PDB file of N, CA and C in Angstrom:
ATOM      1  N   UNK A   1       8.977 -16.386 -15.543  1.00  0.00           N
ATOM      2  CA  UNK A   1       8.857 -14.969 -15.416  1.00  0.00           C
ATOM      3  C   UNK A   1       8.449 -14.531 -14.026  1.00  0.00           C
ATOM      4  N   UNK A   2       9.043 -13.434 -13.626  1.00  0.00           N
ATOM      5  CA  UNK A   2       8.716 -12.846 -12.331  1.00  0.00           C
ATOM      6  C   UNK A   2       7.515 -11.928 -12.421  1.00  0.00           C
ATOM      7  N   UNK A   3       7.199 -11.359 -11.315  1.00  0.00           N
ATOM      8  CA  UNK A   3       6.082 -10.424 -11.248  1.00  0.00           C
ATOM      9  C   UNK A   3       6.487  -9.064 -11.790  1.00  0.00           C
ATOM     10  N   UNK A   4       5.530  -8.381 -12.385  1.00  0.00           N
ATOM     11  CA  UNK A   4       5.715  -6.961 -12.662  1.00  0.00           C
ATOM     12  C   UNK A   4       4.919  -6.215 -11.597  1.00  0.00           C
ATOM     13  N   UNK A   5       5.270  -4.955 -11.380  1.00  0.00           N
ATOM     14  CA  UNK A   5       4.697  -4.182 -10.289  1.00  0.00           C
ATOM     15  C   UNK A   5       4.153  -2.856 -10.795  1.00  0.00           C
ATOM     16  N   UNK A   6       3.060  -2.406 -10.163  1.00  0.00           N
ATOM     17  CA  UNK A   6       2.502  -1.099 -10.495  1.00  0.00           C
ATOM     18  C   UNK A   6       1.876  -0.518  -9.238  1.00  0.00           C
ATOM     19  N   UNK A   7       2.113   0.769  -9.007  1.00  0.00           N
ATOM     20  CA  UNK A   7       1.485   1.488  -7.902  1.00  0.00           C
ATOM     21  C   UNK A   7       0.600   2.559  -8.508  1.00  0.00           C
ATOM     22  N   UNK A   8      -0.643   2.614  -8.040  1.00  0.00           N
ATOM     23  CA  UNK A   8      -1.591   3.612  -8.524  1.00  0.00           C
ATOM     24  C   UNK A   8      -2.339   4.170  -7.318  1.00  0.00           C
ATOM     25  N   UNK A   9      -3.042   5.282  -7.509  1.00  0.00           N
ATOM     26  CA  UNK A   9      -3.823   5.892  -6.434  1.00  0.00           C
ATOM     27  C   UNK A   9      -5.259   6.080  -6.903  1.00  0.00           C
ATOM     28  N   UNK A  10      -6.196   5.746  -6.015  1.00  0.00           N
ATOM     29  CA  UNK A  10      -7.629   5.896  -6.296  1.00  0.00           C
ATOM     30  C   UNK A  10      -8.351   6.215  -4.996  1.00  0.00           C
ATOM     31  N   UNK A  11      -9.563   6.726  -5.104  1.00  0.00           N
ATOM     32  CA  UNK A  11     -10.440   6.851  -3.943  1.00  0.00           C
ATOM     33  C   UNK A  11     -11.028   5.466  -3.687  1.00  0.00           C
ATOM     34  N   UNK A  12     -10.720   4.883  -2.540  1.00  0.00           N
ATOM     35  CA  UNK A  12     -11.174   3.530  -2.221  1.00  0.00           C
ATOM     36  C   UNK A  12     -12.366   3.569  -1.278  1.00  0.00           C
ATOM     37  N   UNK A  13     -13.205   2.562  -1.383  1.00  0.00           N
ATOM     38  CA  UNK A  13     -14.341   2.411  -0.473  1.00  0.00           C
ATOM     39  C   UNK A  13     -13.852   2.024   0.919  1.00  0.00           C
ATOM     40  N   UNK A  14     -12.749   1.296   0.981  1.00  0.00           N
ATOM     41  CA  UNK A  14     -12.175   0.857   2.253  1.00  0.00           C
ATOM     42  C   UNK A  14     -11.439   2.022   2.904  1.00  0.00           C
ATOM     43  N   UNK A  15     -11.201   1.916   4.227  1.00  0.00           N
ATOM     44  CA  UNK A  15     -10.458   2.969   4.899  1.00  0.00           C
ATOM     45  C   UNK A  15      -8.984   2.627   5.077  1.00  0.00           C
ATOM     46  N   UNK A  16      -8.515   1.565   4.441  1.00  0.00           N
ATOM     47  CA  UNK A  16      -7.121   1.180   4.548  1.00  0.00           C
ATOM     48  C   UNK A  16      -6.245   2.082   3.668  1.00  0.00           C
ATOM     49  N   UNK A  17      -4.951   2.055   3.905  1.00  0.00           N
ATOM     50  CA  UNK A  17      -4.010   2.878   3.152  1.00  0.00           C
ATOM     51  C   UNK A  17      -3.785   2.333   1.746  1.00  0.00           C
ATOM     52  N   UNK A  18      -3.728   1.004   1.613  1.00  0.00           N
ATOM     53  CA  UNK A  18      -3.497   0.416   0.295  1.00  0.00           C
ATOM     54  C   UNK A  18      -4.209  -0.922   0.186  1.00  0.00           C
ATOM     55  N   UNK A  19      -4.414  -1.341  -1.070  1.00  0.00           N
ATOM     56  CA  UNK A  19      -4.996  -2.648  -1.356  1.00  0.00           C
ATOM     57  C   UNK A  19      -4.134  -3.304  -2.438  1.00  0.00           C
ATOM     58  N   UNK A  20      -3.604  -4.508  -2.164  1.00  0.00           N
ATOM     59  CA  UNK A  20      -2.842  -5.221  -3.189  1.00  0.00           C
ATOM     60  C   UNK A  20      -3.736  -6.169  -3.987  1.00  0.00           C
ATOM     61  N   UNK A  21      -3.448  -6.295  -5.266  1.00  0.00           N
ATOM     62  CA  UNK A  21      -4.150  -7.247  -6.124  1.00  0.00           C
ATOM     63  C   UNK A  21      -3.121  -7.887  -7.060  1.00  0.00           C
ATOM     64  N   UNK A  22      -3.256  -9.180  -7.243  1.00  0.00           N
ATOM     65  CA  UNK A  22      -2.400  -9.904  -8.179  1.00  0.00           C
ATOM     66  C   UNK A  22      -3.245 -10.266  -9.380  1.00  0.00           C
ATOM     67  N   UNK A  23      -2.863  -9.746 -10.547  1.00  0.00           N
ATOM     68  CA  UNK A  23      -3.611  -9.987 -11.780  1.00  0.00           C
ATOM     69  C   UNK A  23      -2.650 -10.357 -12.908  1.00  0.00           C
ATOM     70  N   UNK A  24      -2.812 -11.567 -13.394  1.00  0.00           N
ATOM     71  CA  UNK A  24      -2.038 -12.028 -14.547  1.00  0.00           C
ATOM     72  C   UNK A  24      -0.546 -11.688 -14.460  1.00  0.00           C
ATOM     73  N   UNK A  25       0.068 -12.026 -13.340  1.00  0.00           N
ATOM     74  CA  UNK A  25       1.503 -11.814 -13.190  1.00  0.00           C
ATOM     75  C   UNK A  25       1.902 -10.386 -12.862  1.00  0.00           C
ATOM     76  N   UNK A  26       0.922  -9.519 -12.552  1.00  0.00           N
ATOM     77  CA  UNK A  26       1.239  -8.139 -12.190  1.00  0.00           C
ATOM     78  C   UNK A  26       0.685  -7.857 -10.796  1.00  0.00           C
ATOM     79  N   UNK A  27       1.544  -7.381  -9.908  1.00  0.00           N
ATOM     80  CA  UNK A  27       1.122  -6.972  -8.581  1.00  0.00           C
ATOM     81  C   UNK A  27       0.768  -5.490  -8.643  1.00  0.00           C
ATOM     82  N   UNK A  28      -0.512  -5.178  -8.429  1.00  0.00           N
ATOM     83  CA  UNK A  28      -0.999  -3.799  -8.469  1.00  0.00           C
ATOM     84  C   UNK A  28      -1.297  -3.368  -7.042  1.00  0.00           C
ATOM     85  N   UNK A  29      -0.627  -2.321  -6.594  1.00  0.00           N
ATOM     86  CA  UNK A  29      -0.857  -1.757  -5.271  1.00  0.00           C
ATOM     87  C   UNK A  29      -1.610  -0.445  -5.470  1.00  0.00           C
ATOM     88  N   UNK A  30      -2.850  -0.407  -4.975  1.00  0.00           N
ATOM     89  CA  UNK A  30      -3.675   0.797  -5.109  1.00  0.00           C
ATOM     90  C   UNK A  30      -3.657   1.539  -3.783  1.00  0.00           C
ATOM     91  N   UNK A  31      -3.127   2.759  -3.807  1.00  0.00           N
ATOM     92  CA  UNK A  31      -3.095   3.615  -2.628  1.00  0.00           C
ATOM     93  C   UNK A  31      -4.422   4.339  -2.516  1.00  0.00           C
ATOM     94  N   UNK A  32      -4.885   4.523  -1.300  1.00  0.00           N
ATOM     95  CA  UNK A  32      -6.154   5.194  -1.056  1.00  0.00           C
ATOM     96  C   UNK A  32      -5.922   6.701  -0.968  1.00  0.00           C
ATOM     97  N   UNK A  33      -6.419   7.449  -1.937  1.00  0.00           N
ATOM     98  CA  UNK A  33      -6.249   8.912  -1.951  1.00  0.00           C
ATOM     99  C   UNK A  33      -6.847   9.581  -0.722  1.00  0.00           C
ATOM    100  N   UNK A  34      -7.805   8.930  -0.082  1.00  0.00           N
ATOM    101  CA  UNK A  34      -8.482   9.527   1.067  1.00  0.00           C
ATOM    102  C   UNK A  34      -7.749   9.269   2.387  1.00  0.00           C
ATOM    103  N   UNK A  35      -6.694   8.466   2.357  1.00  0.00           N
ATOM    104  CA  UNK A  35      -5.957   8.162   3.582  1.00  0.00           C
ATOM    105  C   UNK A  35      -4.975   9.302   3.882  1.00  0.00           C
ATOM    106  N   UNK A  36      -4.894   9.749   5.140  1.00  0.00           N
ATOM    107  CA  UNK A  36      -4.034  10.890   5.459  1.00  0.00           C
ATOM    108  C   UNK A  36      -2.549  10.671   5.180  1.00  0.00           C
ATOM    109  N   UNK A  37      -2.095   9.420   5.163  1.00  0.00           N
ATOM    110  CA  UNK A  37      -0.671   9.190   4.924  1.00  0.00           C
ATOM    111  C   UNK A  37      -0.264   9.578   3.508  1.00  0.00           C
ATOM    112  N   UNK A  38      -1.175   9.491   2.567  1.00  0.00           N
ATOM    113  CA  UNK A  38      -0.840   9.875   1.196  1.00  0.00           C
ATOM    114  C   UNK A  38      -0.505  11.361   1.126  1.00  0.00           C
ATOM    115  N   UNK A  39      -1.169  12.186   1.922  1.00  0.00           N
ATOM    116  CA  UNK A  39      -0.831  13.609   2.004  1.00  0.00           C
ATOM    117  C   UNK A  39       0.587  13.806   2.523  1.00  0.00           C
ATOM    118  N   UNK A  40       0.989  12.967   3.482  1.00  0.00           N
ATOM    119  CA  UNK A  40       2.340  13.066   4.032  1.00  0.00           C
ATOM    120  C   UNK A  40       3.393  12.759   2.969  1.00  0.00           C
ATOM    121  N   UNK A  41       3.046  11.899   2.025  1.00  0.00           N
ATOM    122  CA  UNK A  41       4.007  11.551   0.969  1.00  0.00           C
ATOM    123  C   UNK A  41       4.145  12.640  -0.079  1.00  0.00           C
ATOM    124  N   UNK A  42       3.149  13.494  -0.187  1.00  0.00           N
ATOM    125  CA  UNK A  42       3.146  14.545  -1.205  1.00  0.00           C
ATOM    126  C   UNK A  42       3.944  15.750  -0.709  1.00  0.00           C
ATOM    127  N   UNK A  43       5.213  15.541  -0.460  1.00  0.00           N
ATOM    128  CA  UNK A  43       6.111  16.584   0.023  1.00  0.00           C
ATOM    129  C   UNK A  43       6.936  17.128  -1.140  1.00  0.00           C
ATOM    130  N   UNK A  44       7.580  18.289  -0.939  1.00  0.00           N
ATOM    131  CA  UNK A  44       8.433  18.845  -2.001  1.00  0.00           C
ATOM    132  C   UNK A  44       9.534  17.869  -2.425  1.00  0.00           C
ATOM    133  N   UNK A  45      10.055  18.086  -3.606  1.00  0.00           N
ATOM    134  CA  UNK A  45      11.101  17.217  -4.164  1.00  0.00           C
ATOM    135  C   UNK A  45      12.367  17.267  -3.312  1.00  0.00           C
ATOM    136  N   UNK A  46      13.288  16.389  -3.615  1.00  0.00           N
ATOM    137  CA  UNK A  46      14.550  16.343  -2.887  1.00  0.00           C
ATOM    138  C   UNK A  46      14.605  15.103  -2.030  1.00  0.00           C
ATOM    139  N   UNK A  47      14.856  15.305  -0.751  1.00  0.00           N
ATOM    140  CA  UNK A  47      14.972  14.183   0.173  1.00  0.00           C
ATOM    141  C   UNK A  47      13.680  13.370   0.240  1.00  0.00           C
ATOM    142  N   UNK A  48      12.550  14.056   0.067  1.00  0.00           N
ATOM    143  CA  UNK A  48      11.260  13.370   0.105  1.00  0.00           C
ATOM    144  C   UNK A  48      11.141  12.354  -1.026  1.00  0.00           C
ATOM    145  N   UNK A  49      11.799  12.608  -2.165  1.00  0.00           N
ATOM    146  CA  UNK A  49      11.748  11.659  -3.275  1.00  0.00           C
ATOM    147  C   UNK A  49      12.350  10.315  -2.871  1.00  0.00           C
ATOM    148  N   UNK A  50      13.476  10.350  -2.181  1.00  0.00           N
ATOM    149  CA  UNK A  50      14.126   9.111  -1.736  1.00  0.00           C
ATOM    150  C   UNK A  50      13.260   8.397  -0.708  1.00  0.00           C
ATOM    151  N   UNK A  51      12.652   9.170   0.210  1.00  0.00           N
ATOM    152  CA  UNK A  51      11.777   8.570   1.209  1.00  0.00           C
ATOM    153  C   UNK A  51      10.568   7.926   0.537  1.00  0.00           C
ATOM    154  N   UNK A  52      10.011   8.602  -0.447  1.00  0.00           N
ATOM    155  CA  UNK A  52       8.853   8.048  -1.157  1.00  0.00           C
ATOM    156  C   UNK A  52       9.229   6.752  -1.877  1.00  0.00           C
ATOM    157  N   UNK A  53      10.378   6.741  -2.539  1.00  0.00           N
ATOM    158  CA  UNK A  53      10.816   5.533  -3.240  1.00  0.00           C
ATOM    159  C   UNK A  53      11.006   4.380  -2.252  1.00  0.00           C
ATOM    160  N   UNK A  54      11.598   4.662  -1.109  1.00  0.00           N
ATOM    161  CA  UNK A  54      11.805   3.632  -0.095  1.00  0.00           C
ATOM    162  C   UNK A  54      10.471   3.111   0.418  1.00  0.00           C
ATOM    163  N   UNK A  55       9.530   4.016   0.665  1.00  0.00           N
ATOM    164  CA  UNK A  55       8.216   3.592   1.131  1.00  0.00           C
ATOM    165  C   UNK A  55       7.507   2.751   0.072  1.00  0.00           C
ATOM    166  N   UNK A  56       7.630   3.118  -1.187  1.00  0.00           N
ATOM    167  CA  UNK A  56       7.010   2.319  -2.260  1.00  0.00           C
ATOM    168  C   UNK A  56       7.561   0.900  -2.255  1.00  0.00           C
ATOM    169  N   UNK A  57       8.872   0.750  -2.021  1.00  0.00           N
ATOM    170  CA  UNK A  57       9.454  -0.593  -1.954  1.00  0.00           C
ATOM    171  C   UNK A  57       8.929  -1.367  -0.754  1.00  0.00           C
ATOM    172  N   UNK A  58       8.739  -0.691   0.381  1.00  0.00           N
ATOM    173  CA  UNK A  58       8.169  -1.340   1.564  1.00  0.00           C
ATOM    174  C   UNK A  58       6.741  -1.802   1.258  1.00  0.00           C
ATOM    175  N   UNK A  59       5.953  -0.936   0.618  1.00  0.00           N
ATOM    176  CA  UNK A  59       4.574  -1.305   0.271  1.00  0.00           C
ATOM    177  C   UNK A  59       4.534  -2.473  -0.705  1.00  0.00           C
ATOM    178  N   UNK A  60       5.417  -2.458  -1.702  1.00  0.00           N
ATOM    179  CA  UNK A  60       5.448  -3.563  -2.660  1.00  0.00           C
ATOM    180  C   UNK A  60       5.813  -4.874  -1.961  1.00  0.00           C
ATOM    181  N   UNK A  61       6.734  -4.819  -1.020  1.00  0.00           N
ATOM    182  CA  UNK A  61       7.107  -6.032  -0.286  1.00  0.00           C
ATOM    183  C   UNK A  61       5.930  -6.535   0.545  1.00  0.00           C
ATOM    184  N   UNK A  62       5.229  -5.627   1.239  1.00  0.00           N
ATOM    185  CA  UNK A  62       4.068  -6.027   2.044  1.00  0.00           C
ATOM    186  C   UNK A  62       2.960  -6.578   1.150  1.00  0.00           C
ATOM    187  N   UNK A  63       2.722  -5.909   0.029  1.00  0.00           N
ATOM    188  CA  UNK A  63       1.674  -6.354  -0.886  1.00  0.00           C
ATOM    189  C   UNK A  63       1.998  -7.734  -1.461  1.00  0.00           C
ATOM    190  N   UNK A  64       3.237  -7.940  -1.844  1.00  0.00           N
ATOM    191  CA  UNK A  64       3.627  -9.243  -2.398  1.00  0.00           C
ATOM    192  C   UNK A  64       3.473 -10.343  -1.353  1.00  0.00           C
ATOM    193  N   UNK A  65       3.873 -10.054  -0.125  1.00  0.00           N
ATOM    194  CA  UNK A  65       3.711 -11.047   0.948  1.00  0.00           C
ATOM    195  C   UNK A  65       2.237 -11.369   1.157  1.00  0.00           C
ATOM    196  N   UNK A  66       1.363 -10.352   1.076  1.00  0.00           N
ATOM    197  CA  UNK A  66      -0.071 -10.601   1.278  1.00  0.00           C
ATOM    198  C   UNK A  66      -0.664 -11.439   0.159  1.00  0.00           C
ATOM    199  N   UNK A  67      -0.395 -11.088  -1.090  1.00  0.00           N
ATOM    200  CA  UNK A  67      -1.016 -11.836  -2.186  1.00  0.00           C
ATOM    201  C   UNK A  67      -0.437 -13.240  -2.324  1.00  0.00           C
ATOM    202  N   UNK A  68       0.733 -13.478  -1.778  1.00  0.00           N
ATOM    203  CA  UNK A  68       1.338 -14.816  -1.798  1.00  0.00           C
ATOM    204  C   UNK A  68       1.107 -15.568  -0.490  1.00  0.00           C
ATOM    205  N   UNK A  69       0.278 -15.025   0.413  1.00  0.00           N
ATOM    206  CA  UNK A  69       0.045 -15.605   1.736  1.00  0.00           C
ATOM    207  C   UNK A  69      -0.907 -16.769   1.697  1.00  0.00           C
ATOM    208  N   UNK A  70      -0.520 -17.828   1.075  1.00  0.00           N
ATOM    209  CA  UNK A  70      -1.351 -19.016   0.896  1.00  0.00           C
ATOM    210  C   UNK A  70      -2.164 -19.340   2.154  1.00  0.00           C
ATOM    211  N   UNK A  71      -3.470 -19.219   2.036  1.00  0.00           N
ATOM    212  CA  UNK A  71      -4.355 -19.561   3.126  1.00  0.00           C
ATOM    213  C   UNK A  71      -4.426 -18.520   4.238  1.00  0.00           C
ATOM    214  N   UNK A  72      -3.653 -17.470   4.143  1.00  0.00           N
ATOM    215  CA  UNK A  72      -3.606 -16.454   5.186  1.00  0.00           C
ATOM    216  C   UNK A  72      -4.127 -15.102   4.712  1.00  0.00           C
ATOM    217  N   UNK A  73      -4.708 -15.049   3.516  1.00  0.00           N
ATOM    218  CA  UNK A  73      -5.126 -13.768   2.929  1.00  0.00           C
ATOM    219  C   UNK A  73      -6.101 -13.010   3.825  1.00  0.00           C
ATOM    220  N   UNK A  74      -7.075 -13.684   4.424  1.00  0.00           N
ATOM    221  CA  UNK A  74      -8.065 -12.998   5.264  1.00  0.00           C
ATOM    222  C   UNK A  74      -7.402 -12.385   6.497  1.00  0.00           C
ATOM    223  N   UNK A  75      -6.508 -13.121   7.121  1.00  0.00           N
ATOM    224  CA  UNK A  75      -5.795 -12.616   8.295  1.00  0.00           C
ATOM    225  C   UNK A  75      -4.936 -11.419   7.911  1.00  0.00           C
ATOM    226  N   UNK A  76      -4.229 -11.539   6.809  1.00  0.00           N
ATOM    227  CA  UNK A  76      -3.362 -10.453   6.359  1.00  0.00           C
ATOM    228  C   UNK A  76      -4.167  -9.224   5.960  1.00  0.00           C
ATOM    229  N   UNK A  77      -5.319  -9.415   5.339  1.00  0.00           N
ATOM    230  CA  UNK A  77      -6.173  -8.284   4.952  1.00  0.00           C
ATOM    231  C   UNK A  77      -6.705  -7.575   6.193  1.00  0.00           C
ATOM    232  N   UNK A  78      -7.080  -8.337   7.227  1.00  0.00           N
ATOM    233  CA  UNK A  78      -7.522  -7.714   8.489  1.00  0.00           C
ATOM    234  C   UNK A  78      -6.396  -6.899   9.113  1.00  0.00           C
ATOM    235  N   UNK A  79      -5.194  -7.465   9.097  1.00  0.00           N
ATOM    236  CA  UNK A  79      -4.039  -6.739   9.625  1.00  0.00           C
ATOM    237  C   UNK A  79      -3.819  -5.439   8.840  1.00  0.00           C
ATOM    238  N   UNK A  80      -3.886  -5.511   7.512  1.00  0.00           N
ATOM    239  CA  UNK A  80      -3.676  -4.325   6.674  1.00  0.00           C
ATOM    240  C   UNK A  80      -4.700  -3.244   6.997  1.00  0.00           C
ATOM    241  N   UNK A  81      -5.971  -3.626   7.176  1.00  0.00           N
ATOM    242  CA  UNK A  81      -7.006  -2.647   7.515  1.00  0.00           C
ATOM    243  C   UNK A  81      -6.733  -2.012   8.885  1.00  0.00           C
ATOM    244  N   UNK A  82      -6.407  -2.839   9.866  1.00  0.00           N
ATOM    245  CA  UNK A  82      -6.112  -2.312  11.212  1.00  0.00           C
ATOM    246  C   UNK A  82      -4.894  -1.400  11.186  1.00  0.00           C
ATOM    247  N   UNK A  83      -3.867  -1.818  10.478  1.00  0.00           N
ATOM    248  CA  UNK A  83      -2.643  -1.027  10.374  1.00  0.00           C
ATOM    249  C   UNK A  83      -2.944   0.332   9.739  1.00  0.00           C
ATOM    250  N   UNK A  84      -3.741   0.339   8.688  1.00  0.00           N
ATOM    251  CA  UNK A  84      -4.122   1.601   8.046  1.00  0.00           C
ATOM    252  C   UNK A  84      -4.915   2.500   8.972  1.00  0.00           C
ATOM    253  N   UNK A  85      -5.801   1.930   9.766  1.00  0.00           N
ATOM    254  CA  UNK A  85      -6.584   2.729  10.723  1.00  0.00           C
ATOM    255  C   UNK A  85      -5.701   3.319  11.815  1.00  0.00           C
ATOM    256  N   UNK A  86      -4.768   2.529  12.324  1.00  0.00           N
ATOM    257  CA  UNK A  86      -3.846   3.026  13.346  1.00  0.00           C
ATOM    258  C   UNK A  86      -2.956   4.126  12.759  1.00  0.00           C
ATOM    259  N   UNK A  87      -2.469   3.921  11.551  1.00  0.00           N
ATOM    260  CA  UNK A  87      -1.648   4.938  10.896  1.00  0.00           C
ATOM    261  C   UNK A  87      -2.427   6.236  10.737  1.00  0.00           C
ATOM    262  N   UNK A  88      -3.671   6.154  10.316  1.00  0.00           N
ATOM    263  CA  UNK A  88      -4.511   7.343  10.170  1.00  0.00           C
ATOM    264  C   UNK A  88      -4.702   8.036  11.514  1.00  0.00           C
ATOM    265  N   UNK A  89      -4.911   7.277  12.582  1.00  0.00           N
ATOM    266  CA  UNK A  89      -5.080   7.856  13.910  1.00  0.00           C
ATOM    267  C   UNK A  89      -3.817   8.574  14.368  1.00  0.00           C
ATOM    268  N   UNK A  90      -2.665   7.975  14.110  1.00  0.00           N
ATOM    269  CA  UNK A  90      -1.399   8.620  14.476  1.00  0.00           C
ATOM    270  C   UNK A  90      -1.218   9.944  13.747  1.00  0.00           C
ATOM    271  N   UNK A  91      -1.705  10.029  12.524  1.00  0.00           N
ATOM    272  CA  UNK A  91      -1.530  11.234  11.708  1.00  0.00           C
ATOM    273  C   UNK A  91      -2.554  12.318  11.991  1.00  0.00           C
ATOM    274  N   UNK A  92      -3.595  11.994  12.754  1.00  0.00           N
ATOM    275  CA  UNK A  92      -4.629  13.008  13.013  1.00  0.00           C
ATOM    276  C   UNK A  92      -4.364  13.775  14.296  1.00  0.00           C
TER     277      UNK A  92
END
């Protein structure tokens, strides 16, 4: 069996955009409601829907690579935090 996927949003203690977790064959990507990029995704329907779907696939791919990063999880988590901080700075 392959992985199942779920994307959810919560207020996170971390300042990163998302946090991936692998639990019992399910990859859960939790988006940080407090990150400014989430506001950018909350655009009117239409073309934004396709962009949001594409971004969700990008996030799922990044999250899967991180949780499967044998021995590299700490490095990948640091990268994810830095990337989220840079993204927030670009949006401010």
